[in-house]
Every structure is written in C-alpha cells, then in structure tokens.
C-alpha cells in the first residue's frame, strides 16, 4: 500500500485574489460555472477572465 504522500493529491482553493503557487492547473469560475482551465501561462495567453483578474491585482 502506498503511503499518503505518494498518492495523487487534489486541492480546491478559493480566493478573492490570485494566490496560486506551485499548482499544476488553475480553474477559473464565474457565476457558478467553469470559465477557464489551464496553467498560469496558458490562461494569460487566452486573455480571458483570468487575465482580467490578474491585471486587476496589478493596479
């Protein structure tokens, strides 16, 4: 049997600010639905909801 640190781990993190470090994938939700899924770089390239949130934090 595998020990607990060898098993895959999924974590759901809710935040009103973007505080994602060391994650494989980011899920952006809006109005109770998934809007975008990807890495930080992928989501910035899409120029969608995540990019707007990210830019909003920089101002």
N, C-alpha and C. Protein backbone atom coordinates (compact mmCIF):
# COMPACT_ATOMS: atom_id res chain seq x y z
N UNK A 1 0.84 -1.18 0.00
CA UNK A 1 0.00 0.00 0.00
C UNK A 1 0.89 1.25 0.00
N UNK A 2 0.52 2.22 -0.83
CA UNK A 2 1.29 3.46 -0.93
C UNK A 2 1.04 4.33 0.30
N UNK A 3 2.07 5.00 0.72
CA UNK A 3 1.89 5.94 1.83
C UNK A 3 1.17 7.18 1.33
N UNK A 4 0.64 7.99 2.24
CA UNK A 4 -0.21 9.11 1.88
C UNK A 4 0.50 10.13 0.98
N UNK A 5 1.80 10.33 1.13
CA UNK A 5 2.49 11.32 0.31
C UNK A 5 2.81 10.82 -1.09
N UNK A 6 2.57 9.55 -1.38
CA UNK A 6 2.81 9.00 -2.71
C UNK A 6 1.55 8.98 -3.56
N UNK A 7 0.41 9.22 -2.97
CA UNK A 7 -0.84 9.22 -3.72
C UNK A 7 -1.07 10.57 -4.38
N UNK A 8 -1.78 10.59 -5.52
CA UNK A 8 -2.12 11.87 -6.15
C UNK A 8 -2.95 12.73 -5.19
N UNK A 9 -2.78 14.03 -5.29
CA UNK A 9 -3.47 14.94 -4.40
C UNK A 9 -4.16 16.02 -5.20
N UNK A 10 -5.42 16.24 -4.90
CA UNK A 10 -6.18 17.34 -5.49
C UNK A 10 -6.60 18.27 -4.38
N UNK A 11 -6.44 19.56 -4.61
CA UNK A 11 -6.80 20.55 -3.61
C UNK A 11 -7.64 21.62 -4.28
N UNK A 12 -8.72 22.01 -3.63
CA UNK A 12 -9.54 23.11 -4.11
C UNK A 12 -9.27 24.30 -3.20
N UNK A 13 -8.92 25.42 -3.80
CA UNK A 13 -8.60 26.62 -3.04
C UNK A 13 -9.46 27.76 -3.57
N UNK A 14 -10.17 28.40 -2.67
CA UNK A 14 -10.97 29.55 -3.06
C UNK A 14 -10.30 30.81 -2.58
N UNK A 15 -10.33 31.86 -3.41
CA UNK A 15 -9.68 33.11 -3.02
C UNK A 15 -10.28 34.27 -3.81
N UNK A 16 -10.28 35.43 -3.20
CA UNK A 16 -10.72 36.62 -3.91
C UNK A 16 -9.54 37.32 -4.56
N UNK A 17 -8.35 36.80 -4.35
CA UNK A 17 -7.14 37.28 -5.01
C UNK A 17 -6.42 36.06 -5.59
N UNK A 18 -5.64 36.29 -6.60
CA UNK A 18 -4.90 35.19 -7.20
C UNK A 18 -3.69 34.89 -6.32
N UNK A 19 -3.72 33.74 -5.69
CA UNK A 19 -2.64 33.31 -4.79
C UNK A 19 -2.28 31.87 -5.13
N UNK A 20 -1.89 31.64 -6.37
CA UNK A 20 -1.59 30.29 -6.81
C UNK A 20 -0.08 30.15 -7.02
N UNK A 21 0.50 29.27 -6.23
CA UNK A 21 1.92 29.00 -6.34
C UNK A 21 2.10 27.49 -6.26
N UNK A 22 2.85 26.96 -7.18
CA UNK A 22 3.14 25.54 -7.16
C UNK A 22 1.96 24.65 -7.52
N UNK A 23 1.05 25.15 -8.37
CA UNK A 23 -0.10 24.34 -8.77
C UNK A 23 0.08 23.88 -10.21
N UNK A 24 -0.53 22.76 -10.55
CA UNK A 24 -0.45 22.22 -11.91
C UNK A 24 -1.49 22.85 -12.83
N UNK A 25 -2.64 23.17 -12.27
CA UNK A 25 -3.75 23.65 -13.09
C UNK A 25 -4.60 24.62 -12.28
N UNK A 26 -5.10 25.65 -12.94
CA UNK A 26 -5.96 26.64 -12.32
C UNK A 26 -7.33 26.55 -12.98
N UNK A 27 -8.38 26.58 -12.17
CA UNK A 27 -9.75 26.58 -12.68
C UNK A 27 -10.37 27.91 -12.29
N UNK A 28 -10.80 28.68 -13.29
CA UNK A 28 -11.44 29.97 -13.06
C UNK A 28 -12.94 29.77 -13.15
N UNK A 29 -13.65 30.19 -12.09
CA UNK A 29 -15.10 30.03 -12.06
C UNK A 29 -15.78 31.38 -12.03
N UNK A 30 -16.95 31.45 -12.63
CA UNK A 30 -17.75 32.65 -12.61
C UNK A 30 -19.21 32.29 -12.74
N UNK A 31 -20.05 32.90 -11.95
CA UNK A 31 -21.49 32.60 -11.95
C UNK A 31 -21.77 31.12 -11.76
N UNK A 32 -20.95 30.45 -10.94
CA UNK A 32 -21.17 29.05 -10.63
C UNK A 32 -20.75 28.08 -11.73
N UNK A 33 -20.06 28.58 -12.75
CA UNK A 33 -19.63 27.72 -13.86
C UNK A 33 -18.13 27.85 -14.08
N UNK A 34 -17.55 26.82 -14.67
CA UNK A 34 -16.13 26.87 -15.02
C UNK A 34 -15.99 27.72 -16.28
N UNK A 35 -15.15 28.75 -16.20
CA UNK A 35 -14.91 29.63 -17.34
C UNK A 35 -13.64 29.25 -18.09
N UNK A 36 -12.58 28.92 -17.34
CA UNK A 36 -11.29 28.60 -17.96
C UNK A 36 -10.54 27.60 -17.09
N UNK A 37 -9.72 26.79 -17.74
CA UNK A 37 -8.83 25.85 -17.04
C UNK A 37 -7.48 25.90 -17.74
N UNK A 38 -6.40 25.94 -16.96
CA UNK A 38 -5.07 25.89 -17.55
C UNK A 38 -4.01 26.28 -16.54
N UNK A 39 -2.78 26.36 -17.02
CA UNK A 39 -1.69 26.85 -16.18
C UNK A 39 -1.74 28.37 -16.18
N UNK A 40 -0.95 28.99 -15.33
CA UNK A 40 -0.88 30.45 -15.27
C UNK A 40 -0.56 31.02 -16.66
N UNK A 41 0.45 30.47 -17.31
CA UNK A 41 0.87 30.95 -18.62
C UNK A 41 -0.21 30.74 -19.67
N UNK A 42 -0.83 29.55 -19.68
CA UNK A 42 -1.89 29.27 -20.65
C UNK A 42 -3.07 30.24 -20.49
N UNK A 43 -3.44 30.48 -19.25
CA UNK A 43 -4.58 31.36 -19.00
C UNK A 43 -4.27 32.81 -19.39
N UNK A 44 -3.06 33.26 -19.15
CA UNK A 44 -2.69 34.61 -19.57
C UNK A 44 -2.72 34.74 -21.08
N UNK A 45 -2.29 33.70 -21.80
CA UNK A 45 -2.32 33.73 -23.27
C UNK A 45 -3.74 33.79 -23.81
N UNK A 46 -4.70 33.21 -23.09
CA UNK A 46 -6.10 33.22 -23.54
C UNK A 46 -6.73 34.61 -23.48
N UNK A 47 -6.16 35.48 -22.62
CA UNK A 47 -6.65 36.84 -22.44
C UNK A 47 -8.14 36.88 -22.09
N UNK A 48 -8.53 36.00 -21.19
CA UNK A 48 -9.92 35.92 -20.75
C UNK A 48 -10.11 36.40 -19.33
N UNK A 49 -10.96 35.71 -18.60
CA UNK A 49 -11.31 36.10 -17.23
C UNK A 49 -10.09 36.11 -16.31
N UNK A 50 -9.24 35.10 -16.42
CA UNK A 50 -8.06 35.03 -15.56
C UNK A 50 -7.14 36.23 -15.80
N UNK A 51 -6.93 36.58 -17.06
CA UNK A 51 -6.08 37.72 -17.38
C UNK A 51 -6.66 38.99 -16.79
N UNK A 52 -7.96 39.17 -16.86
CA UNK A 52 -8.60 40.35 -16.27
C UNK A 52 -8.40 40.38 -14.77
N UNK A 53 -8.54 39.25 -14.11
CA UNK A 53 -8.32 39.18 -12.66
C UNK A 53 -6.86 39.49 -12.33
N UNK A 54 -5.96 38.92 -13.08
CA UNK A 54 -4.52 39.11 -12.87
C UNK A 54 -4.15 40.57 -13.05
N UNK A 55 -4.61 41.19 -14.11
CA UNK A 55 -4.31 42.61 -14.36
C UNK A 55 -4.94 43.49 -13.29
N UNK A 56 -6.11 43.13 -12.82
CA UNK A 56 -6.79 43.90 -11.79
C UNK A 56 -6.01 43.95 -10.49
N UNK A 57 -5.25 42.92 -10.22
CA UNK A 57 -4.45 42.88 -8.99
C UNK A 57 -3.20 43.74 -9.11
N UNK A 58 -2.78 43.99 -10.32
CA UNK A 58 -1.55 44.75 -10.53
C UNK A 58 -1.76 46.25 -10.45
N UNK A 59 -3.01 46.68 -10.50
CA UNK A 59 -3.30 48.13 -10.45
C UNK A 59 -3.61 48.58 -9.05
